[in-house]
C-alpha cells in the first residue's frame, strides 16, 4: 500500500510542475470536510512500561484505518490559505506485550484525534479550474485506547498526548465559484506518546511509545464564502 501512496505522490507532484502560479484569487473564509484511507508506516510500536522497565515492541495494531476530518480557514489574495483542522482515526489492537515480554493476541482499539494549524500554498492559474497545493501543519494528538484485552486477562484502557506535524500535497478542482473538490496525500509524524494505562482491577501503569509515521490518501470538499 505504501507503493500505491508513493505513486499518488509522484502523480500529484508531476501535475504541480506543469502549472504556473497566479497571485490573483478571491479572498474569504471557507469550511471543508475530507475522508480517506490512512496507513501506519510500521504497525508494530516500540515503547517502555514502568512495570517492565525496558524499551521493546509493545503493541501491534491493524495497519490501516479510515480517516475523516473537517477544517475552517481563510483564503488570502496572495497564494496562501490558513486553516484550523481536526481529524479522527481508529486502529484495532491485534497484539500486546505481556509480563513475560512477549507479544500475544489482544483485542480492543486505539482512537487517534488530531488538531492542527495548517498553512497551505496554492499554485493558482488564471486559465484553469485546477489548483495544485503544498502545505504543512503543526498541532497535537490525543490517543485513547479502549478495552484492551489479552486472552484470559483483565481489560485495560489508557490515553496519551503528543505533538504532531503533517506535510501535504494535492490538487483542488473548482466545481463552481463556491465549491472545490480536493484530493491529496499526507505524511503525519506523531511524537513520543506518554501516558498511563488503567486496568480493570484499578492499578495504573505509566509508559510511552516511540514516534509514529502515518501515510494518508484523502479526498474532500471545500465550501468558499
C-alpha atoms as a PDB file:
ATOM      1  CA  UNK A   1       0.000   0.000   0.000  1.00  0.00           C
ATOM      2  CA  UNK A   2       2.986   2.281   0.597  1.00  0.00           C
ATOM      3  CA  UNK A   3       3.835   1.719  -3.058  1.00  0.00           C
ATOM      4  CA  UNK A   4       0.406   2.999  -4.070  1.00  0.00           C
ATOM      5  CA  UNK A   5       0.835   6.044  -1.831  1.00  0.00           C
ATOM      6  CA  UNK A   6       4.244   6.759  -3.404  1.00  0.00           C
ATOM      7  CA  UNK A   7       2.669   6.552  -6.871  1.00  0.00           C
ATOM      8  CA  UNK A   8      -0.041   9.026  -5.824  1.00  0.00           C
ATOM      9  CA  UNK A   9       2.609  11.446  -4.520  1.00  0.00           C
ATOM     10  CA  UNK A  10       4.570  11.236  -7.782  1.00  0.00           C
ATOM     11  CA  UNK A  11       1.461  11.875  -9.877  1.00  0.00           C
ATOM     12  CA  UNK A  12       0.444  14.891  -7.823  1.00  0.00           C
ATOM     13  CA  UNK A  13       3.981  16.313  -7.888  1.00  0.00           C
ATOM     14  CA  UNK A  14       4.163  15.901 -11.676  1.00  0.00           C
ATOM     15  CA  UNK A  15       0.932  17.861 -12.026  1.00  0.00           C
ATOM     16  CA  UNK A  16       2.372  20.699  -9.972  1.00  0.00           C
ATOM     17  CA  UNK A  17       5.419  21.094 -12.204  1.00  0.00           C
ATOM     18  CA  UNK A  18       3.292  21.898 -15.247  1.00  0.00           C
ATOM     19  CA  UNK A  19       1.422  24.760 -13.542  1.00  0.00           C
ATOM     20  CA  UNK A  20       2.217  28.451 -13.145  1.00  0.00           C
ATOM     21  CA  UNK A  21       1.441  30.466 -10.036  1.00  0.00           C
ATOM     22  CA  UNK A  22      -1.130  33.219 -10.316  1.00  0.00           C
ATOM     23  CA  UNK A  23      -1.452  35.600  -7.333  1.00  0.00           C
ATOM     24  CA  UNK A  24      -4.975  36.753  -8.183  1.00  0.00           C
ATOM     25  CA  UNK A  25      -7.664  34.861  -6.282  1.00  0.00           C
ATOM     26  CA  UNK A  26     -10.854  35.513  -4.367  1.00  0.00           C
ATOM     27  CA  UNK A  27     -10.244  36.273  -0.702  1.00  0.00           C
ATOM     28  CA  UNK A  28     -12.531  34.915   2.005  1.00  0.00           C
ATOM     29  CA  UNK A  29     -13.364  32.227   4.512  1.00  0.00           C
ATOM     30  CA  UNK A  30     -14.165  28.569   3.921  1.00  0.00           C
ATOM     31  CA  UNK A  31     -15.133  25.312   5.591  1.00  0.00           C
ATOM     32  CA  UNK A  32     -14.061  21.893   4.350  1.00  0.00           C
ATOM     33  CA  UNK A  33     -14.561  18.200   5.018  1.00  0.00           C
ATOM     34  CA  UNK A  34     -12.398  15.265   3.976  1.00  0.00           C
ATOM     35  CA  UNK A  35     -12.238  11.486   4.210  1.00  0.00           C
ATOM     36  CA  UNK A  36      -9.880   8.777   3.068  1.00  0.00           C
ATOM     37  CA  UNK A  37      -7.527   5.944   3.894  1.00  0.00           C
ATOM     38  CA  UNK A  38      -4.685   6.072   6.406  1.00  0.00           C
ATOM     39  CA  UNK A  39      -1.897   3.535   6.946  1.00  0.00           C
ATOM     40  CA  UNK A  40       0.738   3.169   9.647  1.00  0.00           C
ATOM     41  CA  UNK A  41       4.314   3.165   8.345  1.00  0.00           C
ATOM     42  CA  UNK A  42       5.072   0.493  10.965  1.00  0.00           C
ATOM     43  CA  UNK A  43       2.129  -1.189  12.708  1.00  0.00           C
ATOM     44  CA  UNK A  44       4.313  -2.648  15.493  1.00  0.00           C
ATOM     45  CA  UNK A  45       5.087   0.101  18.011  1.00  0.00           C
ATOM     46  CA  UNK A  46       8.005   0.033  20.409  1.00  0.00           C
ATOM     47  CA  UNK A  47       7.700   1.520  23.869  1.00  0.00           C
ATOM     48  CA  UNK A  48       8.509   1.283  27.548  1.00  0.00           C
ATOM     49  CA  UNK A  49       6.303   0.466  30.525  1.00  0.00           C
ATOM     50  CA  UNK A  50       7.265   1.375  34.085  1.00  0.00           C
ATOM     51  CA  UNK A  51       6.356  -2.088  35.367  1.00  0.00           C
ATOM     52  CA  UNK A  52       8.751  -3.724  32.868  1.00  0.00           C
ATOM     53  CA  UNK A  53      11.481  -1.076  32.715  1.00  0.00           C
ATOM     54  CA  UNK A  54      12.602  -1.906  29.184  1.00  0.00           C
ATOM     55  CA  UNK A  55      12.057  -0.472  25.687  1.00  0.00           C
ATOM     56  CA  UNK A  56      10.640  -3.231  23.472  1.00  0.00           C
ATOM     57  CA  UNK A  57       7.979  -3.901  20.819  1.00  0.00           C
ATOM     58  CA  UNK A  58       4.878  -3.285  22.928  1.00  0.00           C
ATOM     59  CA  UNK A  59       1.823  -3.376  20.697  1.00  0.00           C
ATOM     60  CA  UNK A  60       0.815  -4.377  17.162  1.00  0.00           C
ATOM     61  CA  UNK A  61      -2.095  -2.556  15.524  1.00  0.00           C
ATOM     62  CA  UNK A  62      -4.164  -3.170  12.437  1.00  0.00           C
ATOM     63  CA  UNK A  63      -2.115  -1.160   9.937  1.00  0.00           C
ATOM     64  CA  UNK A  64      -4.988   0.713   8.243  1.00  0.00           C
ATOM     65  CA  UNK A  65      -7.874   2.991   9.218  1.00  0.00           C
ATOM     66  CA  UNK A  66     -10.484   5.293   7.748  1.00  0.00           C
ATOM     67  CA  UNK A  67      -9.591   8.941   8.343  1.00  0.00           C
ATOM     68  CA  UNK A  68     -12.158  11.731   8.456  1.00  0.00           C
ATOM     69  CA  UNK A  69     -11.894  15.394   9.318  1.00  0.00           C
ATOM     70  CA  UNK A  70     -13.069  18.973   8.908  1.00  0.00           C
ATOM     71  CA  UNK A  71     -11.457  22.394   8.792  1.00  0.00           C
ATOM     72  CA  UNK A  72     -12.291  26.082   8.909  1.00  0.00           C
ATOM     73  CA  UNK A  73      -9.955  28.533   7.232  1.00  0.00           C
ATOM     74  CA  UNK A  74      -9.266  31.673   5.250  1.00  0.00           C
ATOM     75  CA  UNK A  75      -8.021  32.173   1.668  1.00  0.00           C
ATOM     76  CA  UNK A  76      -5.775  35.208   1.135  1.00  0.00           C
ATOM     77  CA  UNK A  77      -5.339  37.133  -2.131  1.00  0.00           C
ATOM     78  CA  UNK A  78      -1.732  36.026  -2.290  1.00  0.00           C
ATOM     79  CA  UNK A  79      -1.428  32.250  -2.855  1.00  0.00           C
ATOM     80  CA  UNK A  80      -1.891  31.174   0.767  1.00  0.00           C
ATOM     81  CA  UNK A  81      -4.552  29.571   2.895  1.00  0.00           C
ATOM     82  CA  UNK A  82      -4.549  29.254   6.697  1.00  0.00           C
ATOM     83  CA  UNK A  83      -6.820  26.775   8.476  1.00  0.00           C
ATOM     84  CA  UNK A  84      -7.624  25.016  11.736  1.00  0.00           C
ATOM     85  CA  UNK A  85      -8.276  21.298  11.183  1.00  0.00           C
ATOM     86  CA  UNK A  86      -9.448  18.344  13.244  1.00  0.00           C
ATOM     87  CA  UNK A  87      -9.351  14.673  12.192  1.00  0.00           C
ATOM     88  CA  UNK A  88     -10.163  11.208  13.564  1.00  0.00           C
ATOM     89  CA  UNK A  89      -8.807   7.691  13.015  1.00  0.00           C
ATOM     90  CA  UNK A  90      -9.225   4.362  14.836  1.00  0.00           C
ATOM     91  CA  UNK A  91      -6.947   1.309  14.771  1.00  0.00           C
ATOM     92  CA  UNK A  92      -7.769  -2.175  16.078  1.00  0.00           C
ATOM     93  CA  UNK A  93      -5.291  -3.735  18.521  1.00  0.00           C
ATOM     94  CA  UNK A  94      -4.022  -7.149  17.359  1.00  0.00           C
ATOM     95  CA  UNK A  95      -1.238  -7.925  19.868  1.00  0.00           C
ATOM     96  CA  UNK A  96       0.084  -6.512  23.145  1.00  0.00           C
ATOM     97  CA  UNK A  97       3.092  -7.165  25.359  1.00  0.00           C
ATOM     98  CA  UNK A  98       2.557  -9.429  28.374  1.00  0.00           C
ATOM     99  CA  UNK A  99       4.542  -9.565  31.629  1.00  0.00           C
ATOM    100  CA  UNK A 100       6.851 -12.191  30.070  1.00  0.00           C
ATOM    101  CA  UNK A 101       7.786  -9.522  27.471  1.00  0.00           C
ATOM    102  CA  UNK A 102       6.132 -11.429  24.621  1.00  0.00           C
ATOM    103  CA  UNK A 103       3.578 -10.070  22.141  1.00  0.00           C
ATOM    104  CA  UNK A 104       0.351 -12.062  22.498  1.00  0.00           C
ATOM    105  CA  UNK A 105      -3.091 -11.857  20.866  1.00  0.00           C
ATOM    106  CA  UNK A 106      -5.273  -8.994  22.083  1.00  0.00           C
ATOM    107  CA  UNK A 107      -8.447  -7.099  21.247  1.00  0.00           C
ATOM    108  CA  UNK A 108      -9.604  -3.512  21.620  1.00  0.00           C
ATOM    109  CA  UNK A 109      -8.927  -0.336  19.679  1.00  0.00           C
ATOM    110  CA  UNK A 110      -6.987   2.929  19.750  1.00  0.00           C
ATOM    111  CA  UNK A 111      -8.643   6.180  18.653  1.00  0.00           C
ATOM    112  CA  UNK A 112      -6.448   8.995  17.297  1.00  0.00           C
ATOM    113  CA  UNK A 113      -7.789  12.571  17.454  1.00  0.00           C
ATOM    114  CA  UNK A 114      -5.627  15.218  15.781  1.00  0.00           C
ATOM    115  CA  UNK A 115      -5.831  19.018  15.847  1.00  0.00           C
ATOM    116  CA  UNK A 116      -3.500  21.112  13.669  1.00  0.00           C
ATOM    117  CA  UNK A 117      -2.981  24.615  12.324  1.00  0.00           C
ATOM    118  CA  UNK A 118      -2.141  24.316   8.608  1.00  0.00           C
ATOM    119  CA  UNK A 119      -0.505  26.725   6.188  1.00  0.00           C
ATOM    120  CA  UNK A 120      -1.182  25.905   2.509  1.00  0.00           C
ATOM    121  CA  UNK A 121       0.481  27.402  -0.570  1.00  0.00           C
ATOM    122  CA  UNK A 122      -1.565  27.221  -3.779  1.00  0.00           C
ATOM    123  CA  UNK A 123      -0.179  27.182  -7.329  1.00  0.00           C
ATOM    124  CA  UNK A 124      -3.004  29.241  -8.825  1.00  0.00           C
ATOM    125  CA  UNK A 125      -3.738  29.563 -12.545  1.00  0.00           C
ATOM    126  CA  UNK A 126      -5.920  32.166 -14.212  1.00  0.00           C
ATOM    127  CA  UNK A 127      -6.940  29.870 -17.092  1.00  0.00           C
ATOM    128  CA  UNK A 128      -7.622  26.601 -15.256  1.00  0.00           C
ATOM    129  CA  UNK A 129     -10.011  25.238 -12.640  1.00  0.00           C
ATOM    130  CA  UNK A 130      -7.197  23.022 -11.271  1.00  0.00           C
ATOM    131  CA  UNK A 131      -5.096  24.349  -8.385  1.00  0.00           C
ATOM    132  CA  UNK A 132      -2.235  22.193  -7.051  1.00  0.00           C
ATOM    133  CA  UNK A 133      -1.086  22.901  -3.496  1.00  0.00           C
ATOM    134  CA  UNK A 134       1.506  22.039  -0.887  1.00  0.00           C
ATOM    135  CA  UNK A 135       1.199  22.588   2.851  1.00  0.00           C
ATOM    136  CA  UNK A 136       2.343  21.841   6.360  1.00  0.00           C
ATOM    137  CA  UNK A 137       0.752  21.854   9.793  1.00  0.00           C
ATOM    138  CA  UNK A 138       1.627  21.538  13.474  1.00  0.00           C
ATOM    139  CA  UNK A 139      -0.527  20.598  16.429  1.00  0.00           C
ATOM    140  CA  UNK A 140      -1.283  17.881  18.955  1.00  0.00           C
ATOM    141  CA  UNK A 141      -2.630  14.323  19.008  1.00  0.00           C
ATOM    142  CA  UNK A 142      -4.777  12.660  21.668  1.00  0.00           C
ATOM    143  CA  UNK A 143      -4.728   8.848  21.635  1.00  0.00           C
ATOM    144  CA  UNK A 144      -7.339   6.894  23.588  1.00  0.00           C
ATOM    145  CA  UNK A 145      -7.040   3.095  23.997  1.00  0.00           C
ATOM    146  CA  UNK A 146     -10.318   1.375  24.944  1.00  0.00           C
ATOM    147  CA  UNK A 147     -10.886  -2.087  26.462  1.00  0.00           C
ATOM    148  CA  UNK A 148      -7.519  -3.580  25.501  1.00  0.00           C
ATOM    149  CA  UNK A 149      -7.778  -7.263  26.475  1.00  0.00           C
ATOM    150  CA  UNK A 150      -5.307 -10.142  26.451  1.00  0.00           C
ATOM    151  CA  UNK A 151      -6.742 -13.654  26.387  1.00  0.00           C
ATOM    152  CA  UNK A 152      -7.596 -14.725  29.922  1.00  0.00           C
ATOM    153  CA  UNK A 153      -6.578 -11.393  31.442  1.00  0.00           C
ATOM    154  CA  UNK A 154      -8.366  -8.267  32.663  1.00  0.00           C
ATOM    155  CA  UNK A 155      -9.058  -5.366  30.325  1.00  0.00           C
ATOM    156  CA  UNK A 156      -7.246  -2.049  30.440  1.00  0.00           C
ATOM    157  CA  UNK A 157      -7.688   1.438  28.981  1.00  0.00           C
ATOM    158  CA  UNK A 158      -5.358   4.399  28.647  1.00  0.00           C
ATOM    159  CA  UNK A 159      -4.660   7.716  26.978  1.00  0.00           C
ATOM    160  CA  UNK A 160      -1.697   9.776  25.800  1.00  0.00           C
ATOM    161  CA  UNK A 161      -0.967  13.170  24.235  1.00  0.00           C
ATOM    162  CA  UNK A 162       1.855  14.024  21.817  1.00  0.00           C
ATOM    163  CA  UNK A 163       2.924  16.776  19.392  1.00  0.00           C
ATOM    164  CA  UNK A 164       2.367  16.169  15.697  1.00  0.00           C
ATOM    165  CA  UNK A 165       3.349  17.571  12.326  1.00  0.00           C
ATOM    166  CA  UNK A 166       1.880  16.973   8.885  1.00  0.00           C
ATOM    167  CA  UNK A 167       3.113  17.582   5.329  1.00  0.00           C
ATOM    168  CA  UNK A 168       0.634  17.555   2.464  1.00  0.00           C
ATOM    169  CA  UNK A 169       0.334  17.975  -1.267  1.00  0.00           C
ATOM    170  CA  UNK A 170      -2.607  17.675  -3.593  1.00  0.00           C
ATOM    171  CA  UNK A 171      -4.872  19.389  -6.071  1.00  0.00           C
ATOM    172  CA  UNK A 172      -8.203  21.221  -5.986  1.00  0.00           C
ATOM    173  CA  UNK A 173     -10.781  21.449  -8.767  1.00  0.00           C
ATOM    174  CA  UNK A 174     -13.284  24.331  -8.795  1.00  0.00           C
ATOM    175  CA  UNK A 175     -16.715  22.857  -9.475  1.00  0.00           C
ATOM    176  CA  UNK A 176     -18.172  26.350  -9.088  1.00  0.00           C
ATOM    177  CA  UNK A 177     -17.160  29.689  -7.615  1.00  0.00           C
ATOM    178  CA  UNK A 178     -18.049  28.429  -4.140  1.00  0.00           C
ATOM    179  CA  UNK A 179     -17.319  24.682  -4.268  1.00  0.00           C
ATOM    180  CA  UNK A 180     -13.930  22.985  -4.708  1.00  0.00           C
ATOM    181  CA  UNK A 181     -13.236  19.234  -4.862  1.00  0.00           C
ATOM    182  CA  UNK A 182      -9.851  18.240  -3.429  1.00  0.00           C
ATOM    183  CA  UNK A 183      -7.599  15.172  -3.445  1.00  0.00           C
ATOM    184  CA  UNK A 184      -4.193  14.697  -1.884  1.00  0.00           C
ATOM    185  CA  UNK A 185      -1.548  12.816   0.066  1.00  0.00           C
ATOM    186  CA  UNK A 186      -0.444  13.449   3.663  1.00  0.00           C
ATOM    187  CA  UNK A 187       2.503  12.332   5.760  1.00  0.00           C
ATOM    188  CA  UNK A 188       1.913  12.747   9.501  1.00  0.00           C
ATOM    189  CA  UNK A 189       4.522  12.350  12.223  1.00  0.00           C
ATOM    190  CA  UNK A 190       3.422  11.795  15.832  1.00  0.00           C
ATOM    191  CA  UNK A 191       5.959  12.407  18.593  1.00  0.00           C
ATOM    192  CA  UNK A 192       6.648  10.210  21.608  1.00  0.00           C
ATOM    193  CA  UNK A 193       3.335   9.225  23.232  1.00  0.00           C
ATOM    194  CA  UNK A 194       3.474   9.459  27.013  1.00  0.00           C
ATOM    195  CA  UNK A 195       0.526   8.456  29.195  1.00  0.00           C
ATOM    196  CA  UNK A 196      -0.932   5.944  31.601  1.00  0.00           C
ATOM    197  CA  UNK A 197      -2.992   2.752  31.441  1.00  0.00           C
ATOM    198  CA  UNK A 198      -5.688   1.840  33.971  1.00  0.00           C
ATOM    199  CA  UNK A 199      -6.553  -1.834  34.423  1.00  0.00           C
ATOM    200  CA  UNK A 200      -9.948  -3.158  35.432  1.00  0.00           C
ATOM    201  CA  UNK A 201      -8.534  -4.074  38.867  1.00  0.00           C
ATOM    202  CA  UNK A 202      -7.794  -0.381  39.482  1.00  0.00           C
ATOM    203  CA  UNK A 203      -3.997  -0.487  39.093  1.00  0.00           C
ATOM    204  CA  UNK A 204      -2.248   2.094  36.878  1.00  0.00           C
ATOM    205  CA  UNK A 205       0.875   1.707  34.722  1.00  0.00           C
ATOM    206  CA  UNK A 206       2.772   4.599  33.117  1.00  0.00           C
ATOM    207  CA  UNK A 207       4.576   4.223  29.805  1.00  0.00           C
ATOM    208  CA  UNK A 208       5.500   5.761  26.479  1.00  0.00           C
ATOM    209  CA  UNK A 209       5.554   4.716  22.821  1.00  0.00           C
ATOM    210  CA  UNK A 210       8.064   5.765  20.175  1.00  0.00           C
ATOM    211  CA  UNK A 211       7.309   8.216  17.356  1.00  0.00           C
ATOM    212  CA  UNK A 212       4.818   7.124  14.672  1.00  0.00           C
ATOM    213  CA  UNK A 213       4.518   7.858  10.921  1.00  0.00           C
ATOM    214  CA  UNK A 214       1.165   7.782   9.084  1.00  0.00           C
ATOM    215  CA  UNK A 215       0.506   7.845   5.325  1.00  0.00           C
ATOM    216  CA  UNK A 216      -2.922   9.074   4.174  1.00  0.00           C
ATOM    217  CA  UNK A 217      -4.697   9.482   0.844  1.00  0.00           C
ATOM    218  CA  UNK A 218      -7.739  11.756   1.156  1.00  0.00           C
ATOM    219  CA  UNK A 219     -10.475  13.444  -0.871  1.00  0.00           C
ATOM    220  CA  UNK A 220     -12.826  16.221   0.185  1.00  0.00           C
ATOM    221  CA  UNK A 221     -14.988  19.249  -0.493  1.00  0.00           C
ATOM    222  CA  UNK A 222     -14.271  22.893   0.312  1.00  0.00           C
ATOM    223  CA  UNK A 223     -17.097  25.454   0.520  1.00  0.00           C
ATOM    224  CA  UNK A 224     -15.887  29.033  -0.041  1.00  0.00           C
ATOM    225  CA  UNK A 225     -17.828  32.066   1.167  1.00  0.00           C
END
